[in-house]
Amino acid sequence: MSVELDVFVGNTTIMDKEVYQLWLNGYTVHDAVKVRADGGIMDECEASEEVLYSDTMDQYRTFQMCERLLHHPAKLANQLLFQIPPDRQAMLIERYYAFDDLFVREVLGKKLSKGTKKDLDD
């Protein structure tokens, strides 16, 4: 029985902006792989669906581990676990705290009444 193992060792944490946005939008790994495959990423990189799934799963794990740091953005810059360039840190924070356009339109598109103020608090 033979086992094949691929290992990558690096210093900088690699985070794909498109995969990050899929993660923020609540896509599951399977759905994100489908979106990426439909976008033609497998043709660009000449990768199999198995490799694409593995890459997406790794990215999602990284985002989940970084999420606790995103709750306290100042800690993200000072932590030593993930080597993330400052411009990428800024992108992570901006996108994490960005408002969904539909949500903003729903809230700002209505006149505030007692009911909508209560919903806004929620």
PDB file of N, CA and C in Angstrom:
ATOM      1  N   MET A   1       0.851  -1.180   0.000  1.00  0.00           N
ATOM      2  CA  MET A   1       0.000   0.000   0.000  1.00  0.00           C
ATOM      3  C   MET A   1       0.892   1.236   0.000  1.00  0.00           C
ATOM      4  N   SER A   2       0.669   2.100  -0.967  1.00  0.00           N
ATOM      5  CA  SER A   2       1.457   3.325  -1.027  1.00  0.00           C
ATOM      6  C   SER A   2       0.562   4.521  -0.730  1.00  0.00           C
ATOM      7  N   VAL A   3       1.162   5.498  -0.123  1.00  0.00           N
ATOM      8  CA  VAL A   3       0.447   6.712   0.242  1.00  0.00           C
ATOM      9  C   VAL A   3       1.149   7.881  -0.420  1.00  0.00           C
ATOM     10  N   GLU A   4       0.370   8.730  -1.064  1.00  0.00           N
ATOM     11  CA  GLU A   4       0.933   9.902  -1.708  1.00  0.00           C
ATOM     12  C   GLU A   4       0.595  11.116  -0.869  1.00  0.00           C
ATOM     13  N   LEU A   5       1.584  11.937  -0.617  1.00  0.00           N
ATOM     14  CA  LEU A   5       1.394  13.090   0.241  1.00  0.00           C
ATOM     15  C   LEU A   5       2.086  14.295  -0.377  1.00  0.00           C
ATOM     16  N   ASP A   6       1.353  15.375  -0.503  1.00  0.00           N
ATOM     17  CA  ASP A   6       1.919  16.629  -0.978  1.00  0.00           C
ATOM     18  C   ASP A   6       2.019  17.575   0.197  1.00  0.00           C
ATOM     19  N   VAL A   7       3.175  18.223   0.333  1.00  0.00           N
ATOM     20  CA  VAL A   7       3.403  19.134   1.449  1.00  0.00           C
ATOM     21  C   VAL A   7       3.913  20.455   0.897  1.00  0.00           C
ATOM     22  N   PHE A   8       3.380  21.531   1.440  1.00  0.00           N
ATOM     23  CA  PHE A   8       3.838  22.861   1.084  1.00  0.00           C
ATOM     24  C   PHE A   8       4.204  23.577   2.369  1.00  0.00           C
ATOM     25  N   VAL A   9       5.400  24.137   2.412  1.00  0.00           N
ATOM     26  CA  VAL A   9       5.842  24.881   3.587  1.00  0.00           C
ATOM     27  C   VAL A   9       6.159  26.293   3.135  1.00  0.00           C
ATOM     28  N   GLY A  10       5.575  27.244   3.814  1.00  0.00           N
ATOM     29  CA  GLY A  10       5.814  28.634   3.462  1.00  0.00           C
ATOM     30  C   GLY A  10       5.652  29.521   4.674  1.00  0.00           C
ATOM     31  N   ASN A  11       5.999  30.754   4.507  1.00  0.00           N
ATOM     32  CA  ASN A  11       5.947  31.692   5.608  1.00  0.00           C
ATOM     33  C   ASN A  11       4.736  32.612   5.521  1.00  0.00           C
ATOM     34  N   THR A  12       4.391  33.055   4.314  1.00  0.00           N
ATOM     35  CA  THR A  12       3.283  33.981   4.135  1.00  0.00           C
ATOM     36  C   THR A  12       1.982  33.199   3.992  1.00  0.00           C
ATOM     37  N   THR A  13       0.953  33.611   4.702  1.00  0.00           N
ATOM     38  CA  THR A  13      -0.351  32.979   4.606  1.00  0.00           C
ATOM     39  C   THR A  13      -1.011  33.417   3.311  1.00  0.00           C
ATOM     40  N   ILE A  14      -1.360  32.446   2.480  1.00  0.00           N
ATOM     41  CA  ILE A  14      -1.966  32.731   1.183  1.00  0.00           C
ATOM     42  C   ILE A  14      -3.480  32.746   1.343  1.00  0.00           C
ATOM     43  N   MET A  15      -4.083  33.863   0.943  1.00  0.00           N
ATOM     44  CA  MET A  15      -5.534  34.005   1.039  1.00  0.00           C
ATOM     45  C   MET A  15      -6.065  34.539  -0.285  1.00  0.00           C
ATOM     46  N   ASP A  16      -6.918  33.760  -0.909  1.00  0.00           N
ATOM     47  CA  ASP A  16      -7.521  34.133  -2.180  1.00  0.00           C
ATOM     48  C   ASP A  16      -8.710  35.058  -1.908  1.00  0.00           C
ATOM     49  N   LYS A  17      -8.714  36.226  -2.542  1.00  0.00           N
ATOM     50  CA  LYS A  17      -9.769  37.218  -2.309  1.00  0.00           C
ATOM     51  C   LYS A  17     -11.144  36.697  -2.719  1.00  0.00           C
ATOM     52  N   GLU A  18     -11.197  35.969  -3.824  1.00  0.00           N
ATOM     53  CA  GLU A  18     -12.481  35.450  -4.311  1.00  0.00           C
ATOM     54  C   GLU A  18     -13.037  34.388  -3.371  1.00  0.00           C
ATOM     55  N   VAL A  19     -12.172  33.513  -2.882  1.00  0.00           N
ATOM     56  CA  VAL A  19     -12.612  32.474  -1.953  1.00  0.00           C
ATOM     57  C   VAL A  19     -13.040  33.114  -0.638  1.00  0.00           C
ATOM     58  N   TYR A  20     -12.327  34.150  -0.218  1.00  0.00           N
ATOM     59  CA  TYR A  20     -12.699  34.861   1.006  1.00  0.00           C
ATOM     60  C   TYR A  20     -14.104  35.453   0.882  1.00  0.00           C
ATOM     61  N   GLN A  21     -14.398  36.040  -0.274  1.00  0.00           N
ATOM     62  CA  GLN A  21     -15.728  36.615  -0.483  1.00  0.00           C
ATOM     63  C   GLN A  21     -16.796  35.525  -0.475  1.00  0.00           C
ATOM     64  N   LEU A  22     -16.498  34.364  -1.046  1.00  0.00           N
ATOM     65  CA  LEU A  22     -17.447  33.247  -1.011  1.00  0.00           C
ATOM     66  C   LEU A  22     -17.686  32.807   0.434  1.00  0.00           C
ATOM     67  N   TRP A  23     -16.624  32.768   1.221  1.00  0.00           N
ATOM     68  CA  TRP A  23     -16.738  32.392   2.633  1.00  0.00           C
ATOM     69  C   TRP A  23     -17.596  33.407   3.390  1.00  0.00           C
ATOM     70  N   LEU A  24     -17.340  34.698   3.132  1.00  0.00           N
ATOM     71  CA  LEU A  24     -18.122  35.749   3.789  1.00  0.00           C
ATOM     72  C   LEU A  24     -19.595  35.684   3.390  1.00  0.00           C
ATOM     73  N   ASN A  25     -19.857  35.303   2.146  1.00  0.00           N
ATOM     74  CA  ASN A  25     -21.235  35.224   1.663  1.00  0.00           C
ATOM     75  C   ASN A  25     -21.961  33.982   2.160  1.00  0.00           C
ATOM     76  N   GLY A  26     -21.267  33.127   2.908  1.00  0.00           N
ATOM     77  CA  GLY A  26     -21.912  31.977   3.512  1.00  0.00           C
ATOM     78  C   GLY A  26     -21.963  30.729   2.651  1.00  0.00           C
ATOM     79  N   TYR A  27     -21.195  30.690   1.583  1.00  0.00           N
ATOM     80  CA  TYR A  27     -21.158  29.505   0.738  1.00  0.00           C
ATOM     81  C   TYR A  27     -20.501  28.351   1.492  1.00  0.00           C
ATOM     82  N   THR A  28     -21.003  27.142   1.289  1.00  0.00           N
ATOM     83  CA  THR A  28     -20.332  25.963   1.822  1.00  0.00           C
ATOM     84  C   THR A  28     -19.128  25.681   0.941  1.00  0.00           C
ATOM     85  N   VAL A  29     -18.261  24.787   1.393  1.00  0.00           N
ATOM     86  CA  VAL A  29     -17.080  24.437   0.594  1.00  0.00           C
ATOM     87  C   VAL A  29     -17.513  23.856  -0.750  1.00  0.00           C
ATOM     88  N   HIS A  30     -18.511  22.980  -0.721  1.00  0.00           N
ATOM     89  CA  HIS A  30     -18.982  22.363  -1.967  1.00  0.00           C
ATOM     90  C   HIS A  30     -19.516  23.410  -2.940  1.00  0.00           C
ATOM     91  N   ASP A  31     -20.305  24.355  -2.429  1.00  0.00           N
ATOM     92  CA  ASP A  31     -20.854  25.402  -3.284  1.00  0.00           C
ATOM     93  C   ASP A  31     -19.752  26.322  -3.814  1.00  0.00           C
ATOM     94  N   ALA A  32     -18.782  26.620  -2.969  1.00  0.00           N
ATOM     95  CA  ALA A  32     -17.671  27.473  -3.388  1.00  0.00           C
ATOM     96  C   ALA A  32     -16.848  26.793  -4.484  1.00  0.00           C
ATOM     97  N   VAL A  33     -16.636  25.490  -4.346  1.00  0.00           N
ATOM     98  CA  VAL A  33     -15.904  24.752  -5.384  1.00  0.00           C
ATOM     99  C   VAL A  33     -16.668  24.826  -6.702  1.00  0.00           C
ATOM    100  N   LYS A  34     -17.984  24.672  -6.631  1.00  0.00           N
ATOM    101  CA  LYS A  34     -18.803  24.734  -7.854  1.00  0.00           C
ATOM    102  C   LYS A  34     -18.699  26.109  -8.500  1.00  0.00           C
ATOM    103  N   VAL A  35     -18.791  27.167  -7.694  1.00  0.00           N
ATOM    104  CA  VAL A  35     -18.688  28.530  -8.224  1.00  0.00           C
ATOM    105  C   VAL A  35     -17.314  28.742  -8.860  1.00  0.00           C
ATOM    106  N   ARG A  36     -16.272  28.278  -8.192  1.00  0.00           N
ATOM    107  CA  ARG A  36     -14.919  28.444  -8.726  1.00  0.00           C
ATOM    108  C   ARG A  36     -14.740  27.644 -10.013  1.00  0.00           C
ATOM    109  N   ALA A  37     -15.270  26.435 -10.042  1.00  0.00           N
ATOM    110  CA  ALA A  37     -15.154  25.592 -11.237  1.00  0.00           C
ATOM    111  C   ALA A  37     -15.922  26.220 -12.401  1.00  0.00           C
ATOM    112  N   ASP A  38     -17.115  26.743 -12.122  1.00  0.00           N
ATOM    113  CA  ASP A  38     -17.913  27.395 -13.162  1.00  0.00           C
ATOM    114  C   ASP A  38     -17.229  28.659 -13.674  1.00  0.00           C
ATOM    115  N   GLY A  39     -16.411  29.270 -12.833  1.00  0.00           N
ATOM    116  CA  GLY A  39     -15.672  30.472 -13.219  1.00  0.00           C
ATOM    117  C   GLY A  39     -14.453  30.178 -14.083  1.00  0.00           C
ATOM    118  N   GLY A  40     -14.119  28.904 -14.269  1.00  0.00           N
ATOM    119  CA  GLY A  40     -13.022  28.529 -15.148  1.00  0.00           C
ATOM    120  C   GLY A  40     -11.665  28.424 -14.491  1.00  0.00           C
ATOM    121  N   ILE A  41     -11.632  28.376 -13.158  1.00  0.00           N
ATOM    122  CA  ILE A  41     -10.343  28.320 -12.458  1.00  0.00           C
ATOM    123  C   ILE A  41      -9.573  27.036 -12.770  1.00  0.00           C
ATOM    124  N   MET A  42     -10.307  25.941 -13.018  1.00  0.00           N
ATOM    125  CA  MET A  42      -9.624  24.669 -13.282  1.00  0.00           C
ATOM    126  C   MET A  42      -8.917  24.693 -14.638  1.00  0.00           C
ATOM    127  N   ASP A  43      -9.475  25.428 -15.593  1.00  0.00           N
ATOM    128  CA  ASP A  43      -8.821  25.554 -16.891  1.00  0.00           C
ATOM    129  C   ASP A  43      -7.575  26.432 -16.800  1.00  0.00           C
ATOM    130  N   GLU A  44      -7.671  27.505 -15.998  1.00  0.00           N
ATOM    131  CA  GLU A  44      -6.537  28.418 -15.826  1.00  0.00           C
ATOM    132  C   GLU A  44      -5.341  27.715 -15.192  1.00  0.00           C
ATOM    133  N   CYS A  45      -5.620  26.935 -14.151  1.00  0.00           N
ATOM    134  CA  CYS A  45      -4.549  26.314 -13.370  1.00  0.00           C
ATOM    135  C   CYS A  45      -4.256  24.876 -13.774  1.00  0.00           C
ATOM    136  N   GLU A  46      -5.070  24.339 -14.686  1.00  0.00           N
ATOM    137  CA  GLU A  46      -4.927  22.944 -15.088  1.00  0.00           C
ATOM    138  C   GLU A  46      -4.933  22.022 -13.877  1.00  0.00           C
ATOM    139  N   ALA A  47      -5.912  22.228 -13.015  1.00  0.00           N
ATOM    140  CA  ALA A  47      -6.027  21.449 -11.787  1.00  0.00           C
ATOM    141  C   ALA A  47      -7.279  20.578 -11.854  1.00  0.00           C
ATOM    142  N   SER A  48      -7.248  19.504 -11.084  1.00  0.00           N
ATOM    143  CA  SER A  48      -8.409  18.622 -11.012  1.00  0.00           C
ATOM    144  C   SER A  48      -9.406  19.179  -9.996  1.00  0.00           C
ATOM    145  N   GLU A  49     -10.613  18.624 -10.009  1.00  0.00           N
ATOM    146  CA  GLU A  49     -11.622  19.061  -9.048  1.00  0.00           C
ATOM    147  C   GLU A  49     -11.205  18.701  -7.624  1.00  0.00           C
ATOM    148  N   GLU A  50     -10.463  17.617  -7.479  1.00  0.00           N
ATOM    149  CA  GLU A  50      -9.973  17.196  -6.163  1.00  0.00           C
ATOM    150  C   GLU A  50      -8.996  18.230  -5.590  1.00  0.00           C
ATOM    151  N   VAL A  51      -8.123  18.742  -6.437  1.00  0.00           N
ATOM    152  CA  VAL A  51      -7.161  19.763  -6.011  1.00  0.00           C
ATOM    153  C   VAL A  51      -7.894  21.061  -5.680  1.00  0.00           C
ATOM    154  N   LEU A  52      -8.879  21.415  -6.490  1.00  0.00           N
ATOM    155  CA  LEU A  52      -9.662  22.616  -6.243  1.00  0.00           C
ATOM    156  C   LEU A  52     -10.415  22.509  -4.923  1.00  0.00           C
ATOM    157  N   TYR A  53     -10.994  21.341  -4.654  1.00  0.00           N
ATOM    158  CA  TYR A  53     -11.704  21.122  -3.391  1.00  0.00           C
ATOM    159  C   TYR A  53     -10.733  21.250  -2.214  1.00  0.00           C
ATOM    160  N   SER A  54      -9.564  20.643  -2.336  1.00  0.00           N
ATOM    161  CA  SER A  54      -8.570  20.695  -1.268  1.00  0.00           C
ATOM    162  C   SER A  54      -8.121  22.131  -0.995  1.00  0.00           C
ATOM    163  N   ASP A  55      -7.875  22.890  -2.062  1.00  0.00           N
ATOM    164  CA  ASP A  55      -7.455  24.285  -1.916  1.00  0.00           C
ATOM    165  C   ASP A  55      -8.549  25.110  -1.249  1.00  0.00           C
ATOM    166  N   THR A  56      -9.789  24.918  -1.680  1.00  0.00           N
ATOM    167  CA  THR A  56     -10.906  25.665  -1.109  1.00  0.00           C
ATOM    168  C   THR A  56     -11.084  25.321   0.363  1.00  0.00           C
ATOM    169  N   MET A  57     -10.977  24.046   0.697  1.00  0.00           N
ATOM    170  CA  MET A  57     -11.116  23.611   2.088  1.00  0.00           C
ATOM    171  C   MET A  57     -10.003  24.222   2.947  1.00  0.00           C
ATOM    172  N   ASP A  58      -8.780  24.244   2.443  1.00  0.00           N
ATOM    173  CA  ASP A  58      -7.666  24.856   3.178  1.00  0.00           C
ATOM    174  C   ASP A  58      -7.918  26.344   3.410  1.00  0.00           C
ATOM    175  N   GLN A  59      -8.408  27.030   2.369  1.00  0.00           N
ATOM    176  CA  GLN A  59      -8.697  28.459   2.497  1.00  0.00           C
ATOM    177  C   GLN A  59      -9.775  28.688   3.556  1.00  0.00           C
ATOM    178  N   TYR A  60     -10.831  27.884   3.526  1.00  0.00           N
ATOM    179  CA  TYR A  60     -11.915  28.031   4.498  1.00  0.00           C
ATOM    180  C   TYR A  60     -11.403  27.804   5.925  1.00  0.00           C
ATOM    181  N   ARG A  61     -10.543  26.820   6.107  1.00  0.00           N
ATOM    182  CA  ARG A  61      -9.977  26.570   7.449  1.00  0.00           C
ATOM    183  C   ARG A  61      -9.180  27.784   7.919  1.00  0.00           C
ATOM    184  N   THR A  62      -8.394  28.350   7.022  1.00  0.00           N
ATOM    185  CA  THR A  62      -7.596  29.527   7.364  1.00  0.00           C
ATOM    186  C   THR A  62      -8.494  30.689   7.764  1.00  0.00           C
ATOM    187  N   PHE A  63      -9.560  30.912   7.006  1.00  0.00           N
ATOM    188  CA  PHE A  63     -10.482  32.003   7.325  1.00  0.00           C
ATOM    189  C   PHE A  63     -11.149  31.778   8.677  1.00  0.00           C
ATOM    190  N   GLN A  64     -11.519  30.538   8.958  1.00  0.00           N
ATOM    191  CA  GLN A  64     -12.152  30.241  10.243  1.00  0.00           C
ATOM    192  C   GLN A  64     -11.186  30.473  11.400  1.00  0.00           C
ATOM    193  N   MET A  65      -9.917  30.136  11.212  1.00  0.00           N
ATOM    194  CA  MET A  65      -8.935  30.373  12.268  1.00  0.00           C
ATOM    195  C   MET A  65      -8.661  31.860  12.449  1.00  0.00           C
ATOM    196  N   CYS A  66      -8.732  32.632  11.367  1.00  0.00           N
ATOM    197  CA  CYS A  66      -8.495  34.076  11.440  1.00  0.00           C
ATOM    198  C   CYS A  66      -9.711  34.842  11.953  1.00  0.00           C
ATOM    199  N   GLU A  67     -10.877  34.217  11.930  1.00  0.00           N
ATOM    200  CA  GLU A  67     -12.097  34.945  12.284  1.00  0.00           C
ATOM    201  C   GLU A  67     -12.045  35.513  13.699  1.00  0.00           C
ATOM    202  N   ARG A  68     -11.492  34.765  14.642  1.00  0.00           N
ATOM    203  CA  ARG A  68     -11.420  35.285  16.011  1.00  0.00           C
ATOM    204  C   ARG A  68     -10.551  36.541  16.073  1.00  0.00           C
ATOM    205  N   LEU A  69      -9.549  36.631  15.212  1.00  0.00           N
ATOM    206  CA  LEU A  69      -8.716  37.838  15.156  1.00  0.00           C
ATOM    207  C   LEU A  69      -9.457  38.990  14.491  1.00  0.00           C
ATOM    208  N   LEU A  70     -10.348  38.666  13.570  1.00  0.00           N
ATOM    209  CA  LEU A  70     -11.115  39.709  12.893  1.00  0.00           C
ATOM    210  C   LEU A  70     -12.126  40.364  13.831  1.00  0.00           C
ATOM    211  N   HIS A  71     -12.486  39.679  14.907  1.00  0.00           N
ATOM    212  CA  HIS A  71     -13.385  40.280  15.893  1.00  0.00           C
ATOM    213  C   HIS A  71     -12.672  41.402  16.660  1.00  0.00           C
ATOM    214  N   HIS A  72     -11.335  41.384  16.656  1.00  0.00           N
ATOM    215  CA  HIS A  72     -10.510  42.410  17.306  1.00  0.00           C
ATOM    216  C   HIS A  72      -9.421  42.811  16.310  1.00  0.00           C
ATOM    217  N   PRO A  73      -9.751  43.681  15.351  1.00  0.00           N
ATOM    218  CA  PRO A  73      -8.822  44.008  14.267  1.00  0.00           C
ATOM    219  C   PRO A  73      -7.424  44.434  14.711  1.00  0.00           C
ATOM    220  N   ALA A  74      -7.305  45.084  15.857  1.00  0.00           N
ATOM    221  CA  ALA A  74      -5.976  45.504  16.319  1.00  0.00           C
ATOM    222  C   ALA A  74      -5.091  44.289  16.610  1.00  0.00           C
ATOM    223  N   LYS A  75      -5.697  43.210  17.055  1.00  0.00           N
ATOM    224  CA  LYS A  75      -4.926  42.000  17.348  1.00  0.00           C
ATOM    225  C   LYS A  75      -4.404  41.330  16.085  1.00  0.00           C
ATOM    226  N   LEU A  76      -5.100  41.535  14.967  1.00  0.00           N
ATOM    227  CA  LEU A  76      -4.680  40.917  13.709  1.00  0.00           C
ATOM    228  C   LEU A  76      -3.297  41.403  13.292  1.00  0.00           C
ATOM    229  N   ALA A  77      -3.019  42.663  13.496  1.00  0.00           N
ATOM    230  CA  ALA A  77      -1.729  43.230  13.101  1.00  0.00           C
ATOM    231  C   ALA A  77      -0.590  42.758  13.999  1.00  0.00           C
ATOM    232  N   ASN A  78      -0.898  42.444  15.250  1.00  0.00           N
ATOM    233  CA  ASN A  78       0.150  42.110  16.210  1.00  0.00           C
ATOM    234  C   ASN A  78       0.345  40.615  16.454  1.00  0.00           C
ATOM    235  N   GLN A  79      -0.493  39.789  15.880  1.00  0.00           N
ATOM    236  CA  GLN A  79      -0.383  38.352  16.118  1.00  0.00           C
ATOM    237  C   GLN A  79       0.772  37.774  15.304  1.00  0.00           C
ATOM    238  N   LEU A  80       1.271  36.626  15.725  1.00  0.00           N
ATOM    239  CA  LEU A  80       2.426  36.005  15.071  1.00  0.00           C
ATOM    240  C   LEU A  80       2.089  34.681  14.385  1.00  0.00           C
ATOM    241  N   LEU A  81       0.878  34.199  14.550  1.00  0.00           N
ATOM    242  CA  LEU A  81       0.498  32.914  13.991  1.00  0.00           C
ATOM    243  C   LEU A  81       0.403  32.945  12.469  1.00  0.00           C
ATOM    244  N   PHE A  82      -0.226  33.983  11.937  1.00  0.00           N
ATOM    245  CA  PHE A  82      -0.397  34.128  10.497  1.00  0.00           C
ATOM    246  C   PHE A  82       0.446  35.296   9.994  1.00  0.00           C
ATOM    247  N   GLN A  83       1.272  35.037   9.023  1.00  0.00           N
ATOM    248  CA  GLN A  83       2.076  36.097   8.412  1.00  0.00           C
ATOM    249  C   GLN A  83       1.272  36.670   7.247  1.00  0.00           C
ATOM    250  N   ILE A  84       0.544  37.747   7.526  1.00  0.00           N
ATOM    251  CA  ILE A  84      -0.337  38.362   6.538  1.00  0.00           C
ATOM    252  C   ILE A  84       0.170  39.763   6.250  1.00  0.00           C
ATOM    253  N   PRO A  85       0.451  40.071   4.986  1.00  0.00           N
ATOM    254  CA  PRO A  85       0.915  41.430   4.651  1.00  0.00           C
ATOM    255  C   PRO A  85      -0.129  42.477   5.049  1.00  0.00           C
ATOM    256  N   PRO A  86       0.318  43.691   5.411  1.00  0.00           N
ATOM    257  CA  PRO A  86      -0.601  44.738   5.873  1.00  0.00           C
ATOM    258  C   PRO A  86      -1.729  45.063   4.897  1.00  0.00           C
ATOM    259  N   ASP A  87      -1.456  45.071   3.591  1.00  0.00           N
ATOM    260  CA  ASP A  87      -2.514  45.371   2.629  1.00  0.00           C
ATOM    261  C   ASP A  87      -3.571  44.272   2.615  1.00  0.00           C
ATOM    262  N   ARG A  88      -3.152  43.042   2.810  1.00  0.00           N
ATOM    263  CA  ARG A  88      -4.097  41.921   2.860  1.00  0.00           C
ATOM    264  C   ARG A  88      -4.895  41.955   4.166  1.00  0.00           C
ATOM    265  N   GLN A  89      -4.242  42.374   5.258  1.00  0.00           N
ATOM    266  CA  GLN A  89      -4.951  42.525   6.537  1.00  0.00           C
ATOM    267  C   GLN A  89      -6.064  43.565   6.399  1.00  0.00           C
ATOM    268  N   ALA A  90      -5.740  44.666   5.755  1.00  0.00           N
ATOM    269  CA  ALA A  90      -6.735  45.727   5.561  1.00  0.00           C
ATOM    270  C   ALA A  90      -7.914  45.217   4.736  1.00  0.00           C
ATOM    271  N   MET A  91      -7.625  44.440   3.684  1.00  0.00           N
ATOM    272  CA  MET A  91      -8.685  43.882   2.851  1.00  0.00           C
ATOM    273  C   MET A  91      -9.565  42.931   3.659  1.00  0.00           C
ATOM    274  N   LEU A  92      -8.945  42.086   4.478  1.00  0.00           N
ATOM    275  CA  LEU A  92      -9.706  41.142   5.300  1.00  0.00           C
ATOM    276  C   LEU A  92     -10.660  41.876   6.237  1.00  0.00           C
ATOM    277  N   ILE A  93     -10.158  42.906   6.886  1.00  0.00           N
ATOM    278  CA  ILE A  93     -10.969  43.662   7.843  1.00  0.00           C
ATOM    279  C   ILE A  93     -12.086  44.423   7.133  1.00  0.00           C
ATOM    280  N   GLU A  94     -11.749  45.104   6.031  1.00  0.00           N
ATOM    281  CA  GLU A  94     -12.749  45.887   5.294  1.00  0.00           C
ATOM    282  C   GLU A  94     -13.896  45.006   4.818  1.00  0.00           C
ATOM    283  N   ARG A  95     -13.552  43.878   4.219  1.00  0.00           N
ATOM    284  CA  ARG A  95     -14.600  42.993   3.701  1.00  0.00           C
ATOM    285  C   ARG A  95     -15.384  42.319   4.820  1.00  0.00           C
ATOM    286  N   TYR A  96     -14.721  42.021   5.934  1.00  0.00           N
ATOM    287  CA  TYR A  96     -15.404  41.359   7.041  1.00  0.00           C
ATOM    288  C   TYR A  96     -16.472  42.269   7.644  1.00  0.00           C
ATOM    289  N   TYR A  97     -16.175  43.566   7.714  1.00  0.00           N
ATOM    290  CA  TYR A  97     -17.098  44.515   8.328  1.00  0.00           C
ATOM    291  C   TYR A  97     -17.945  45.289   7.323  1.00  0.00           C
ATOM    292  N   ALA A  98     -17.831  44.967   6.048  1.00  0.00           N
ATOM    293  CA  ALA A  98     -18.630  45.648   5.031  1.00  0.00           C
ATOM    294  C   ALA A  98     -20.095  45.249   5.167  1.00  0.00           C
ATOM    295  N   PHE A  99     -20.976  46.199   4.939  1.00  0.00           N
ATOM    296  CA  PHE A  99     -22.406  45.931   4.992  1.00  0.00           C
ATOM    297  C   PHE A  99     -22.860  45.314   3.671  1.00  0.00           C
ATOM    298  N   ASP A 100     -23.782  44.399   3.761  1.00  0.00           N
ATOM    299  CA  ASP A 100     -24.402  43.813   2.584  1.00  0.00           C
ATOM    300  C   ASP A 100     -25.293  44.874   1.951  1.00  0.00           C
ATOM    301  N   ASP A 101     -25.183  45.048   0.629  1.00  0.00           N
ATOM    302  CA  ASP A 101     -25.948  46.082  -0.071  1.00  0.00           C
ATOM    303  C   ASP A 101     -27.451  45.922   0.134  1.00  0.00           C
ATOM    304  N   LEU A 102     -27.938  44.697   0.081  1.00  0.00           N
ATOM    305  CA  LEU A 102     -29.375  44.464   0.263  1.00  0.00           C
ATOM    306  C   LEU A 102     -29.825  44.842   1.664  1.00  0.00           C
ATOM    307  N   PHE A 103     -28.978  44.547   2.656  1.00  0.00           N
ATOM    308  CA  PHE A 103     -29.311  44.907   4.036  1.00  0.00           C
ATOM    309  C   PHE A 103     -29.376  46.423   4.195  1.00  0.00           C
ATOM    310  N   VAL A 104     -28.390  47.117   3.680  1.00  0.00           N
ATOM    311  CA  VAL A 104     -28.355  48.580   3.798  1.00  0.00           C
ATOM    312  C   VAL A 104     -29.552  49.191   3.092  1.00  0.00           C
ATOM    313  N   ARG A 105     -29.877  48.689   1.913  1.00  0.00           N
ATOM    314  CA  ARG A 105     -31.026  49.215   1.176  1.00  0.00           C
ATOM    315  C   ARG A 105     -32.324  48.982   1.963  1.00  0.00           C
ATOM    316  N   GLU A 106     -32.423  47.811   2.584  1.00  0.00           N
ATOM    317  CA  GLU A 106     -33.618  47.479   3.370  1.00  0.00           C
ATOM    318  C   GLU A 106     -33.752  48.418   4.569  1.00  0.00           C
ATOM    319  N   VAL A 107     -32.648  48.685   5.259  1.00  0.00           N
ATOM    320  CA  VAL A 107     -32.689  49.522   6.454  1.00  0.00           C
ATOM    321  C   VAL A 107     -32.841  50.995   6.101  1.00  0.00           C
ATOM    322  N   LEU A 108     -32.043  51.471   5.156  1.00  0.00           N
ATOM    323  CA  LEU A 108     -32.054  52.898   4.833  1.00  0.00           C
ATOM    324  C   LEU A 108     -33.186  53.286   3.891  1.00  0.00           C
ATOM    325  N   GLY A 109     -33.771  52.312   3.234  1.00  0.00           N
ATOM    326  CA  GLY A 109     -34.834  52.605   2.280  1.00  0.00           C
ATOM    327  C   GLY A 109     -36.189  52.803   2.940  1.00  0.00           C
ATOM    328  N   LYS A 110     -36.271  52.585   4.246  1.00  0.00           N
ATOM    329  CA  LYS A 110     -37.539  52.724   4.965  1.00  0.00           C
ATOM    330  C   LYS A 110     -37.491  53.921   5.906  1.00  0.00           C
ATOM    331  N   LYS A 111     -38.630  54.479   6.101  1.00  0.00           N
ATOM    332  CA  LYS A 111     -38.751  55.542   7.086  1.00  0.00           C
ATOM    333  C   LYS A 111     -38.743  54.881   8.462  1.00  0.00           C
ATOM    334  N   LEU A 112     -37.958  55.434   9.374  1.00  0.00           N
ATOM    335  CA  LEU A 112     -37.868  54.824  10.696  1.00  0.00           C
ATOM    336  C   LEU A 112     -39.129  55.093  11.501  1.00  0.00           C
ATOM    337  N   SER A 113     -39.746  54.028  11.926  1.00  0.00           N
ATOM    338  CA  SER A 113     -40.910  54.094  12.802  1.00  0.00           C
ATOM    339  C   SER A 113     -40.577  53.283  14.040  1.00  0.00           C
ATOM    340  N   LYS A 114     -41.517  53.148  14.949  1.00  0.00           N
ATOM    341  CA  LYS A 114     -41.260  52.343  16.147  1.00  0.00           C
ATOM    342  C   LYS A 114     -40.874  50.915  15.768  1.00  0.00           C
ATOM    343  N   GLY A 115     -41.576  50.341  14.809  1.00  0.00           N
ATOM    344  CA  GLY A 115     -41.322  48.959  14.400  1.00  0.00           C
ATOM    345  C   GLY A 115     -39.970  48.788  13.736  1.00  0.00           C
ATOM    346  N   THR A 116     -39.620  49.707  12.827  1.00  0.00           N
ATOM    347  CA  THR A 116     -38.327  49.582  12.148  1.00  0.00           C
ATOM    348  C   THR A 116     -37.164  49.903  13.066  1.00  0.00           C
ATOM    349  N   LYS A 117     -37.383  50.814  14.041  1.00  0.00           N
ATOM    350  CA  LYS A 117     -36.323  51.077  15.030  1.00  0.00           C
ATOM    351  C   LYS A 117     -36.049  49.841  15.855  1.00  0.00           C
ATOM    352  N   LYS A 118     -37.113  49.137  16.216  1.00  0.00           N
ATOM    353  CA  LYS A 118     -36.954  47.897  16.988  1.00  0.00           C
ATOM    354  C   LYS A 118     -36.203  46.860  16.145  1.00  0.00           C
ATOM    355  N   ASP A 119     -36.579  46.742  14.852  1.00  0.00           N
ATOM    356  CA  ASP A 119     -35.901  45.794  13.966  1.00  0.00           C
ATOM    357  C   ASP A 119     -34.431  46.175  13.779  1.00  0.00           C
ATOM    358  N   LEU A 120     -34.162  47.466  13.735  1.00  0.00           N
ATOM    359  CA  LEU A 120     -32.796  47.945  13.581  1.00  0.00           C
ATOM    360  C   LEU A 120     -31.959  47.562  14.799  1.00  0.00           C
ATOM    361  N   ASP A 121     -32.542  47.679  15.993  1.00  0.00           N
ATOM    362  CA  ASP A 121     -31.834  47.280  17.204  1.00  0.00           C
ATOM    363  C   ASP A 121     -31.506  45.803  17.186  1.00  0.00           C
ATOM    364  N   ASP A 122     -32.440  45.003  16.689  1.00  0.00           N
ATOM    365  CA  ASP A 122     -32.207  43.559  16.603  1.00  0.00           C
ATOM    366  C   ASP A 122     -31.084  43.274  15.647  1.00  0.00           C
TER     367      ASP A 122
END
